[in-house]
Amino acid sequence: MFSYPDTGDLIGMESTSRCYTGLLADFIALRDRSCRTPYCDAPIRHTDHIVAHAKGGATRERNGQGTCEGCNYVKNHPDHLIGGDAGETCVLTDGLTASSRPPAPPGHPPPTRSPISRTLMNIEFRQRTKTPFTTY
């Protein structure tokens, strides 16, 4: 596990296994909350790669997604293309494209692919959450 030094927020998890198991699978299920396929809000039943392991996708948090059984099985169809990462997953099927993002953790900004955007979001988040001290 890798965490951000200033806040301790989890920023990365990697596994030497091909499958998502244990805490890594639990983390992805908590992050995604429901199936990540656009317009599908079914409960998560499988934790799998966004970019397939067979196509070089790593078993890590940024390449993992929670899906329902049906969406996980259908994503292997040749006419169904999936790409992106944990910040935004894109699905292309029959010439139509849709994307999904995980919900923001309670009290935190949503995940993003860009390190610059993440840094700016962290700065903005810290500014918004500062509570002024009151003296009595």
N, C-alpha and C. Protein backbone atom coordinates (compact mmCIF):
# COMPACT_ATOMS: atom_id res chain seq x y z
N MET A 1 0.84 -1.18 0.00
CA MET A 1 0.00 0.00 0.00
C MET A 1 0.89 1.24 0.00
N PHE A 2 0.42 2.26 -0.70
CA PHE A 2 1.14 3.52 -0.75
C PHE A 2 0.18 4.62 -0.33
N SER A 3 0.64 5.50 0.55
CA SER A 3 -0.22 6.58 1.01
C SER A 3 0.45 7.92 0.79
N TYR A 4 -0.39 8.96 0.70
CA TYR A 4 0.08 10.32 0.51
C TYR A 4 0.70 10.80 1.81
N PRO A 5 1.95 11.31 1.79
CA PRO A 5 2.65 11.65 3.03
C PRO A 5 1.95 12.69 3.91
N ASP A 6 1.34 13.71 3.31
CA ASP A 6 0.74 14.78 4.11
C ASP A 6 -0.53 14.35 4.81
N THR A 7 -1.38 13.58 4.11
CA THR A 7 -2.70 13.26 4.65
C THR A 7 -2.86 11.81 5.07
N GLY A 8 -1.99 10.93 4.55
CA GLY A 8 -2.15 9.51 4.84
C GLY A 8 -3.19 8.84 3.96
N ASP A 9 -3.79 9.58 2.99
CA ASP A 9 -4.78 9.01 2.09
C ASP A 9 -4.14 7.92 1.24
N LEU A 10 -4.86 6.86 1.01
CA LEU A 10 -4.38 5.77 0.18
C LEU A 10 -4.33 6.23 -1.27
N ILE A 11 -3.16 6.09 -1.91
CA ILE A 11 -3.02 6.52 -3.30
C ILE A 11 -2.64 5.38 -4.22
N GLY A 12 -2.33 4.22 -3.68
CA GLY A 12 -2.00 3.11 -4.56
C GLY A 12 -1.86 1.81 -3.82
N MET A 13 -2.27 0.75 -4.47
CA MET A 13 -2.11 -0.59 -3.96
C MET A 13 -1.71 -1.46 -5.14
N GLU A 14 -0.76 -2.34 -4.93
CA GLU A 14 -0.34 -3.24 -5.98
C GLU A 14 -0.37 -4.66 -5.46
N SER A 15 -0.47 -5.60 -6.37
CA SER A 15 -0.50 -7.00 -6.00
C SER A 15 0.38 -7.78 -6.96
N THR A 16 1.02 -8.80 -6.45
CA THR A 16 1.80 -9.69 -7.32
C THR A 16 0.92 -10.79 -7.88
N SER A 17 -0.30 -10.88 -7.42
CA SER A 17 -1.25 -11.89 -7.88
C SER A 17 -1.93 -11.43 -9.16
N ARG A 18 -2.47 -12.36 -9.93
CA ARG A 18 -3.23 -12.02 -11.12
C ARG A 18 -4.65 -11.60 -10.77
N CYS A 19 -5.17 -12.11 -9.67
CA CYS A 19 -6.56 -11.85 -9.25
C CYS A 19 -6.60 -10.78 -8.16
N TYR A 20 -7.72 -10.09 -8.10
CA TYR A 20 -7.95 -9.11 -7.04
C TYR A 20 -8.55 -9.86 -5.86
N THR A 21 -7.79 -9.92 -4.77
CA THR A 21 -8.26 -10.62 -3.57
C THR A 21 -7.94 -9.77 -2.35
N GLY A 22 -8.44 -10.21 -1.23
CA GLY A 22 -8.11 -9.59 0.06
C GLY A 22 -8.44 -8.12 0.15
N LEU A 23 -7.52 -7.37 0.76
CA LEU A 23 -7.75 -5.94 1.01
C LEU A 23 -7.86 -5.13 -0.27
N LEU A 24 -7.14 -5.53 -1.31
CA LEU A 24 -7.21 -4.81 -2.58
C LEU A 24 -8.62 -4.91 -3.16
N ALA A 25 -9.20 -6.10 -3.15
CA ALA A 25 -10.58 -6.28 -3.64
C ALA A 25 -11.57 -5.53 -2.75
N ASP A 26 -11.36 -5.59 -1.44
CA ASP A 26 -12.24 -4.86 -0.52
C ASP A 26 -12.17 -3.36 -0.77
N PHE A 27 -10.96 -2.84 -0.97
CA PHE A 27 -10.80 -1.41 -1.23
C PHE A 27 -11.54 -1.00 -2.49
N ILE A 28 -11.40 -1.77 -3.57
CA ILE A 28 -12.06 -1.43 -4.84
C ILE A 28 -13.57 -1.48 -4.68
N ALA A 29 -14.09 -2.47 -3.98
CA ALA A 29 -15.53 -2.56 -3.75
C ALA A 29 -16.04 -1.37 -2.94
N LEU A 30 -15.27 -0.94 -1.94
CA LEU A 30 -15.67 0.23 -1.14
C LEU A 30 -15.58 1.50 -1.97
N ARG A 31 -14.58 1.60 -2.82
CA ARG A 31 -14.41 2.78 -3.67
C ARG A 31 -15.54 2.90 -4.68
N ASP A 32 -15.86 1.80 -5.37
CA ASP A 32 -16.83 1.85 -6.47
C ASP A 32 -18.28 1.80 -5.99
N ARG A 33 -18.57 1.10 -4.93
CA ARG A 33 -19.89 0.99 -4.30
C ARG A 33 -20.94 0.24 -5.12
N SER A 34 -20.91 0.32 -6.44
CA SER A 34 -21.82 -0.44 -7.31
C SER A 34 -21.11 -0.68 -8.63
N CYS A 35 -21.72 -1.46 -9.49
CA CYS A 35 -21.11 -1.82 -10.78
C CYS A 35 -20.64 -0.57 -11.51
N ARG A 36 -19.39 -0.59 -12.02
CA ARG A 36 -18.81 0.57 -12.69
C ARG A 36 -19.23 0.70 -14.14
N THR A 37 -19.94 -0.26 -14.70
CA THR A 37 -20.41 -0.13 -16.07
C THR A 37 -21.41 1.03 -16.12
N PRO A 38 -21.25 1.94 -17.08
CA PRO A 38 -22.19 3.08 -17.15
C PRO A 38 -23.64 2.60 -17.20
N TYR A 39 -24.48 3.25 -16.43
CA TYR A 39 -25.93 3.03 -16.35
C TYR A 39 -26.30 1.72 -15.67
N CYS A 40 -25.37 1.04 -15.03
CA CYS A 40 -25.66 -0.19 -14.29
C CYS A 40 -25.35 0.07 -12.83
N ASP A 41 -26.32 0.00 -11.98
CA ASP A 41 -26.11 0.23 -10.55
C ASP A 41 -26.27 -1.05 -9.74
N ALA A 42 -26.02 -2.19 -10.39
CA ALA A 42 -26.17 -3.48 -9.70
C ALA A 42 -25.08 -3.63 -8.63
N PRO A 43 -25.32 -4.47 -7.64
CA PRO A 43 -24.30 -4.70 -6.61
C PRO A 43 -23.04 -5.33 -7.22
N ILE A 44 -21.91 -5.01 -6.64
CA ILE A 44 -20.63 -5.57 -7.11
C ILE A 44 -20.56 -7.04 -6.73
N ARG A 45 -20.27 -7.87 -7.72
CA ARG A 45 -20.07 -9.31 -7.49
C ARG A 45 -18.67 -9.75 -7.89
N HIS A 46 -18.03 -9.02 -8.80
CA HIS A 46 -16.69 -9.35 -9.27
C HIS A 46 -15.80 -8.11 -9.19
N THR A 47 -14.54 -8.33 -8.86
CA THR A 47 -13.53 -7.28 -8.94
C THR A 47 -12.54 -7.74 -10.00
N ASP A 48 -12.40 -6.95 -11.05
CA ASP A 48 -11.61 -7.39 -12.19
C ASP A 48 -10.83 -6.22 -12.78
N HIS A 49 -9.99 -6.53 -13.76
CA HIS A 49 -9.15 -5.55 -14.43
C HIS A 49 -9.97 -4.69 -15.40
N ILE A 50 -9.64 -3.40 -15.49
CA ILE A 50 -10.21 -2.54 -16.51
C ILE A 50 -9.54 -2.88 -17.84
N VAL A 51 -8.22 -2.78 -17.88
CA VAL A 51 -7.45 -3.27 -19.02
C VAL A 51 -7.09 -4.71 -18.67
N ALA A 52 -7.56 -5.65 -19.46
CA ALA A 52 -7.42 -7.07 -19.15
C ALA A 52 -5.98 -7.47 -18.86
N HIS A 53 -5.82 -8.39 -17.95
CA HIS A 53 -4.50 -8.91 -17.61
C HIS A 53 -3.84 -9.50 -18.84
N ALA A 54 -4.61 -10.17 -19.69
CA ALA A 54 -4.08 -10.77 -20.92
C ALA A 54 -3.55 -9.71 -21.89
N LYS A 55 -4.04 -8.48 -21.77
CA LYS A 55 -3.57 -7.39 -22.65
C LYS A 55 -2.54 -6.51 -21.95
N GLY A 56 -1.98 -7.00 -20.86
CA GLY A 56 -0.92 -6.26 -20.16
C GLY A 56 -1.37 -5.42 -18.99
N GLY A 57 -2.63 -5.50 -18.62
CA GLY A 57 -3.13 -4.72 -17.49
C GLY A 57 -2.59 -5.25 -16.17
N ALA A 58 -2.10 -4.34 -15.34
CA ALA A 58 -1.53 -4.72 -14.05
C ALA A 58 -2.62 -4.94 -13.02
N THR A 59 -2.33 -5.77 -12.03
CA THR A 59 -3.25 -6.00 -10.92
C THR A 59 -2.93 -4.98 -9.85
N ARG A 60 -3.54 -3.81 -9.98
CA ARG A 60 -3.35 -2.75 -9.01
C ARG A 60 -4.63 -1.94 -8.91
N GLU A 61 -4.69 -1.09 -7.93
CA GLU A 61 -5.91 -0.33 -7.63
C GLU A 61 -6.38 0.50 -8.82
N ARG A 62 -5.48 1.16 -9.52
CA ARG A 62 -5.86 2.05 -10.63
C ARG A 62 -6.38 1.28 -11.84
N ASN A 63 -6.16 -0.04 -11.91
CA ASN A 63 -6.65 -0.83 -13.03
C ASN A 63 -7.74 -1.80 -12.60
N GLY A 64 -8.29 -1.60 -11.43
CA GLY A 64 -9.34 -2.48 -10.92
C GLY A 64 -10.69 -1.80 -10.92
N GLN A 65 -11.73 -2.61 -11.10
CA GLN A 65 -13.09 -2.09 -11.03
C GLN A 65 -14.02 -3.14 -10.46
N GLY A 66 -15.03 -2.68 -9.79
CA GLY A 66 -16.07 -3.58 -9.29
C GLY A 66 -17.19 -3.65 -10.32
N THR A 67 -17.62 -4.86 -10.65
CA THR A 67 -18.70 -5.03 -11.62
C THR A 67 -19.69 -6.08 -11.13
N CYS A 68 -20.87 -6.06 -11.72
CA CYS A 68 -21.82 -7.15 -11.48
C CYS A 68 -21.39 -8.33 -12.35
N GLU A 69 -21.99 -9.49 -12.13
CA GLU A 69 -21.60 -10.68 -12.90
C GLU A 69 -21.82 -10.48 -14.40
N GLY A 70 -22.99 -9.99 -14.78
CA GLY A 70 -23.32 -9.84 -16.19
C GLY A 70 -22.37 -8.90 -16.92
N CYS A 71 -22.07 -7.76 -16.32
CA CYS A 71 -21.18 -6.80 -16.96
C CYS A 71 -19.75 -7.33 -17.05
N ASN A 72 -19.32 -8.09 -16.05
CA ASN A 72 -17.99 -8.65 -16.10
C ASN A 72 -17.87 -9.68 -17.22
N TYR A 73 -18.90 -10.49 -17.43
CA TYR A 73 -18.84 -11.50 -18.49
C TYR A 73 -18.96 -10.88 -19.87
N VAL A 74 -19.82 -9.86 -20.02
CA VAL A 74 -20.05 -9.27 -21.34
C VAL A 74 -18.86 -8.42 -21.80
N LYS A 75 -18.03 -7.96 -20.88
CA LYS A 75 -16.91 -7.10 -21.29
C LYS A 75 -15.88 -7.85 -22.12
N ASN A 76 -15.94 -9.18 -22.14
CA ASN A 76 -15.02 -9.97 -22.96
C ASN A 76 -15.52 -10.17 -24.39
N HIS A 77 -16.70 -9.66 -24.71
CA HIS A 77 -17.24 -9.77 -26.06
C HIS A 77 -16.38 -8.91 -27.00
N PRO A 78 -16.09 -9.41 -28.23
CA PRO A 78 -15.21 -8.66 -29.14
C PRO A 78 -15.72 -7.27 -29.52
N ASP A 79 -17.04 -7.03 -29.48
CA ASP A 79 -17.60 -5.73 -29.83
C ASP A 79 -17.68 -4.77 -28.64
N HIS A 80 -17.16 -5.17 -27.52
CA HIS A 80 -17.28 -4.40 -26.27
C HIS A 80 -15.86 -4.02 -25.84
N LEU A 81 -15.49 -2.76 -25.99
CA LEU A 81 -14.14 -2.30 -25.64
C LEU A 81 -14.18 -1.47 -24.37
N ILE A 82 -13.26 -1.75 -23.46
CA ILE A 82 -13.17 -1.02 -22.19
C ILE A 82 -11.76 -0.47 -22.06
N GLY A 83 -11.66 0.77 -21.59
CA GLY A 83 -10.36 1.38 -21.37
C GLY A 83 -10.43 2.38 -20.24
N GLY A 84 -9.33 3.03 -19.99
CA GLY A 84 -9.28 4.03 -18.93
C GLY A 84 -8.60 3.49 -17.69
N ASP A 85 -8.95 4.08 -16.57
CA ASP A 85 -8.43 3.63 -15.29
C ASP A 85 -9.47 3.89 -14.21
N ALA A 86 -9.07 3.81 -12.96
CA ALA A 86 -10.02 3.95 -11.86
C ALA A 86 -10.67 5.33 -11.83
N GLY A 87 -9.98 6.35 -12.31
CA GLY A 87 -10.55 7.70 -12.33
C GLY A 87 -11.68 7.87 -13.31
N GLU A 88 -11.60 7.19 -14.45
CA GLU A 88 -12.66 7.23 -15.46
C GLU A 88 -12.52 5.99 -16.35
N THR A 89 -13.55 5.20 -16.38
CA THR A 89 -13.59 4.01 -17.22
C THR A 89 -14.48 4.30 -18.41
N CYS A 90 -14.00 4.02 -19.62
CA CYS A 90 -14.76 4.25 -20.85
C CYS A 90 -15.16 2.91 -21.47
N VAL A 91 -16.38 2.86 -21.95
CA VAL A 91 -16.91 1.66 -22.59
C VAL A 91 -17.38 2.04 -23.99
N LEU A 92 -16.92 1.29 -25.00
CA LEU A 92 -17.31 1.51 -26.38
C LEU A 92 -17.99 0.25 -26.89
N THR A 93 -19.23 0.36 -27.32
CA THR A 93 -19.95 -0.78 -27.87
C THR A 93 -20.92 -0.28 -28.92
N ASP A 94 -20.94 -0.94 -30.06
CA ASP A 94 -21.85 -0.59 -31.16
C ASP A 94 -21.72 0.88 -31.58
N GLY A 95 -20.53 1.43 -31.50
CA GLY A 95 -20.31 2.81 -31.90
C GLY A 95 -20.70 3.83 -30.85
N LEU A 96 -21.20 3.40 -29.71
CA LEU A 96 -21.60 4.31 -28.63
C LEU A 96 -20.53 4.28 -27.54
N THR A 97 -20.23 5.43 -26.99
CA THR A 97 -19.24 5.52 -25.92
C THR A 97 -19.89 6.09 -24.67
N ALA A 98 -19.57 5.49 -23.53
CA ALA A 98 -20.04 5.99 -22.24
C ALA A 98 -18.90 5.86 -21.25
N SER A 99 -18.91 6.67 -20.23
CA SER A 99 -17.85 6.58 -19.23
C SER A 99 -18.46 6.62 -17.83
N SER A 100 -17.70 6.13 -16.89
CA SER A 100 -18.15 6.16 -15.50
C SER A 100 -16.99 6.54 -14.61
N ARG A 101 -17.32 7.15 -13.50
CA ARG A 101 -16.34 7.53 -12.48
C ARG A 101 -16.83 6.99 -11.15
N PRO A 102 -15.90 6.64 -10.27
CA PRO A 102 -16.36 6.20 -8.95
C PRO A 102 -16.87 7.41 -8.17
N PRO A 103 -17.76 7.18 -7.23
CA PRO A 103 -18.21 8.32 -6.41
C PRO A 103 -17.06 8.82 -5.54
N ALA A 104 -17.11 10.08 -5.18
CA ALA A 104 -16.08 10.65 -4.31
C ALA A 104 -16.20 10.04 -2.92
N PRO A 105 -15.07 9.72 -2.29
CA PRO A 105 -15.13 9.25 -0.91
C PRO A 105 -15.76 10.33 -0.03
N PRO A 106 -16.43 9.96 1.03
CA PRO A 106 -17.04 10.96 1.89
C PRO A 106 -16.01 11.96 2.39
N GLY A 107 -16.25 13.24 2.11
CA GLY A 107 -15.38 14.29 2.57
C GLY A 107 -14.10 14.47 1.79
N HIS A 108 -13.97 13.83 0.61
CA HIS A 108 -12.75 13.92 -0.18
C HIS A 108 -13.09 14.24 -1.63
N PRO A 109 -12.13 14.82 -2.37
CA PRO A 109 -12.35 15.07 -3.79
C PRO A 109 -12.33 13.76 -4.56
N PRO A 110 -12.99 13.69 -5.73
CA PRO A 110 -13.00 12.45 -6.51
C PRO A 110 -11.62 12.13 -7.09
N PRO A 111 -11.37 10.85 -7.40
CA PRO A 111 -10.08 10.49 -7.98
C PRO A 111 -9.91 11.10 -9.37
N THR A 112 -8.67 11.28 -9.79
CA THR A 112 -8.38 11.83 -11.10
C THR A 112 -7.12 11.18 -11.65
N ARG A 113 -6.99 11.17 -12.97
CA ARG A 113 -5.82 10.59 -13.62
C ARG A 113 -4.63 11.53 -13.57
N SER A 114 -4.87 12.81 -13.64
CA SER A 114 -3.80 13.80 -13.77
C SER A 114 -3.18 14.14 -12.41
N PRO A 115 -1.86 13.98 -12.26
CA PRO A 115 -1.21 14.37 -11.00
C PRO A 115 -1.36 15.86 -10.70
N ILE A 116 -1.38 16.68 -11.74
CA ILE A 116 -1.53 18.12 -11.55
C ILE A 116 -2.93 18.42 -11.03
N SER A 117 -3.95 17.80 -11.64
CA SER A 117 -5.32 18.00 -11.17
C SER A 117 -5.47 17.54 -9.74
N ARG A 118 -4.87 16.40 -9.41
CA ARG A 118 -4.96 15.88 -8.05
C ARG A 118 -4.32 16.84 -7.06
N THR A 119 -3.18 17.41 -7.40
CA THR A 119 -2.52 18.37 -6.52
C THR A 119 -3.39 19.60 -6.30
N LEU A 120 -3.97 20.12 -7.39
CA LEU A 120 -4.84 21.29 -7.27
C LEU A 120 -6.08 20.97 -6.45
N MET A 121 -6.65 19.77 -6.65
CA MET A 121 -7.82 19.37 -5.88
C MET A 121 -7.49 19.24 -4.40
N ASN A 122 -6.29 18.70 -4.10
CA ASN A 122 -5.87 18.59 -2.70
C ASN A 122 -5.74 19.97 -2.06
N ILE A 123 -5.16 20.92 -2.79
CA ILE A 123 -5.02 22.28 -2.27
C ILE A 123 -6.39 22.89 -2.01
N GLU A 124 -7.28 22.76 -3.00
CA GLU A 124 -8.64 23.31 -2.84
C GLU A 124 -9.36 22.63 -1.69
N PHE A 125 -9.23 21.31 -1.57
CA PHE A 125 -9.89 20.57 -0.49
C PHE A 125 -9.40 21.04 0.87
N ARG A 126 -8.08 21.23 1.00
CA ARG A 126 -7.53 21.70 2.28
C ARG A 126 -8.05 23.09 2.62
N GLN A 127 -8.18 23.96 1.60
CA GLN A 127 -8.69 25.31 1.83
C GLN A 127 -10.14 25.27 2.29
N ARG A 128 -10.93 24.40 1.66
CA ARG A 128 -12.36 24.31 2.01
C ARG A 128 -12.60 23.71 3.37
N THR A 129 -11.73 22.80 3.80
CA THR A 129 -11.98 22.10 5.06
C THR A 129 -11.32 22.75 6.27
N LYS A 130 -10.56 23.82 6.03
CA LYS A 130 -9.96 24.51 7.18
C LYS A 130 -11.07 25.16 8.00
N THR A 131 -11.05 24.88 9.27
CA THR A 131 -12.03 25.52 10.13
C THR A 131 -11.31 26.59 10.96
N PRO A 132 -11.85 27.76 10.98
CA PRO A 132 -11.19 28.82 11.74
C PRO A 132 -11.22 28.50 13.24
N PHE A 133 -10.13 28.83 13.91
CA PHE A 133 -10.07 28.61 15.34
C PHE A 133 -10.79 29.75 16.04
N THR A 134 -11.52 29.41 17.03
CA THR A 134 -12.20 30.46 17.80
C THR A 134 -11.54 30.54 19.18
N THR A 135 -11.42 31.70 19.66
CA THR A 135 -10.85 31.90 20.99
C THR A 135 -11.93 32.34 21.94
N TYR A 136 -11.82 31.86 23.12
CA TYR A 136 -12.81 32.22 24.14
C TYR A 136 -12.20 33.04 25.23
